[in-house]
Amino acid sequence: MQGAEAFAGFVEGGCEGDEFDGFKVINRVVNPEGANGWAIVESANHQNIWKWSNIWVDNFGVEIEVTPVLTDQEFLSVHKEIATTNN
């Protein structure tokens, strides 16, 4: 419950730290019953993800899994580039 109270305070306080140079939380969903959640973020690098998540890891033992993904447009751009290179 300590983590839940801290997270509630974080949200009530305006989610300070969810946006800084080279990093922005796009969306976050929380599963209180499972004591977990997911965030979609834009980040210039993996270091920024560590800066953002470190407080939760250090203070509450949260486990972080990073899965890089592409938007539809990013996928199309890379797909076309790869297809051109492979032909």
Protein backbone atom coordinates (compact mmCIF):
# COMPACT_ATOMS: atom_id res chain seq x y z
CA MET A 1 0.00 0.00 0.00
CA GLN A 2 2.96 2.33 0.51
CA GLY A 3 3.58 2.38 -3.23
CA ALA A 4 -0.11 2.99 -3.95
CA GLU A 5 -0.21 5.96 -1.58
CA ALA A 6 2.98 7.39 -3.09
CA PHE A 7 1.62 6.94 -6.61
CA ALA A 8 -1.70 8.58 -5.68
CA GLY A 9 0.24 11.55 -4.28
CA PHE A 10 2.35 11.68 -7.43
CA VAL A 11 -0.76 11.81 -9.65
CA GLU A 12 -2.53 14.34 -7.40
CA GLY A 13 0.61 16.47 -7.52
CA GLY A 14 0.49 16.70 -11.31
CA CYS A 15 2.86 13.85 -12.22
CA GLU A 16 5.96 16.00 -11.86
CA GLY A 17 8.84 14.38 -13.70
CA ASP A 18 6.71 12.84 -16.44
CA GLU A 19 8.15 15.30 -18.95
CA PHE A 20 11.67 16.66 -19.29
CA ASP A 21 14.13 17.34 -22.09
CA GLY A 22 14.16 14.25 -24.32
CA PHE A 23 11.39 12.43 -22.42
CA LYS A 24 7.61 12.54 -22.19
CA VAL A 25 4.95 10.17 -20.85
CA ILE A 26 2.30 9.84 -23.56
CA ASN A 27 -0.11 7.65 -21.60
CA ARG A 28 -0.13 5.50 -18.49
CA VAL A 29 -2.56 2.85 -17.29
CA VAL A 30 -2.58 1.23 -13.86
CA ASN A 31 -3.75 -2.21 -12.72
CA PRO A 32 -4.25 -1.77 -8.95
CA GLU A 33 -5.32 -5.40 -8.44
CA GLY A 34 -2.15 -6.67 -10.10
CA ALA A 35 0.02 -3.96 -8.53
CA ASN A 36 1.43 -3.05 -11.93
CA GLY A 37 0.92 -0.76 -14.86
CA TRP A 38 2.18 0.31 -18.25
CA ALA A 39 3.37 3.57 -19.73
CA ILE A 40 3.84 4.65 -23.29
CA VAL A 41 6.66 7.16 -23.43
CA GLU A 42 8.67 9.09 -25.98
CA SER A 43 12.33 9.06 -25.10
CA ALA A 44 15.44 10.22 -26.88
CA ASN A 45 17.37 7.36 -25.23
CA HIS A 46 17.17 4.57 -22.66
CA GLN A 47 19.00 6.67 -20.09
CA ASN A 48 15.99 8.98 -19.82
CA ILE A 49 13.74 6.01 -19.08
CA TRP A 50 16.05 5.07 -16.22
CA LYS A 51 16.00 8.66 -14.89
CA TRP A 52 12.20 8.64 -14.97
CA SER A 53 11.68 5.21 -13.41
CA ASN A 54 14.54 5.16 -10.92
CA ILE A 55 12.55 6.62 -8.01
CA TRP A 56 9.99 3.79 -8.24
CA VAL A 57 12.66 1.12 -8.60
CA ASP A 58 14.75 2.40 -5.69
CA ASN A 59 11.93 3.18 -3.29
CA PHE A 60 9.35 0.51 -4.08
CA GLY A 61 11.18 -2.29 -5.87
CA VAL A 62 9.22 -1.78 -9.08
CA GLU A 63 10.48 -3.92 -11.95
CA ILE A 64 10.82 -2.10 -15.27
CA GLU A 65 10.66 -3.77 -18.66
CA VAL A 66 11.37 -1.63 -21.71
CA THR A 67 9.95 -2.64 -25.09
CA PRO A 68 10.90 -0.34 -27.97
CA VAL A 69 8.05 0.16 -30.43
CA LEU A 70 7.28 2.22 -33.54
CA THR A 71 4.29 4.31 -34.49
CA ASP A 72 2.49 3.28 -37.67
CA GLN A 73 4.29 5.99 -39.64
CA GLU A 74 7.69 5.10 -38.21
CA PHE A 75 7.08 1.47 -39.14
CA LEU A 76 6.14 2.38 -42.73
CA SER A 77 9.19 4.58 -43.11
CA VAL A 78 11.60 1.90 -41.90
CA HIS A 79 9.76 -0.87 -43.75
CA LYS A 80 10.04 0.98 -47.05
CA GLU A 81 13.70 1.75 -46.42
CA ILE A 82 14.47 -1.90 -45.64
CA ALA A 83 12.44 -3.15 -48.63
CA THR A 84 14.35 -0.78 -50.95
CA THR A 85 17.70 -1.89 -49.54
CA ASN A 86 16.86 -5.59 -49.87
CA ASN A 87 15.80 -5.33 -53.52
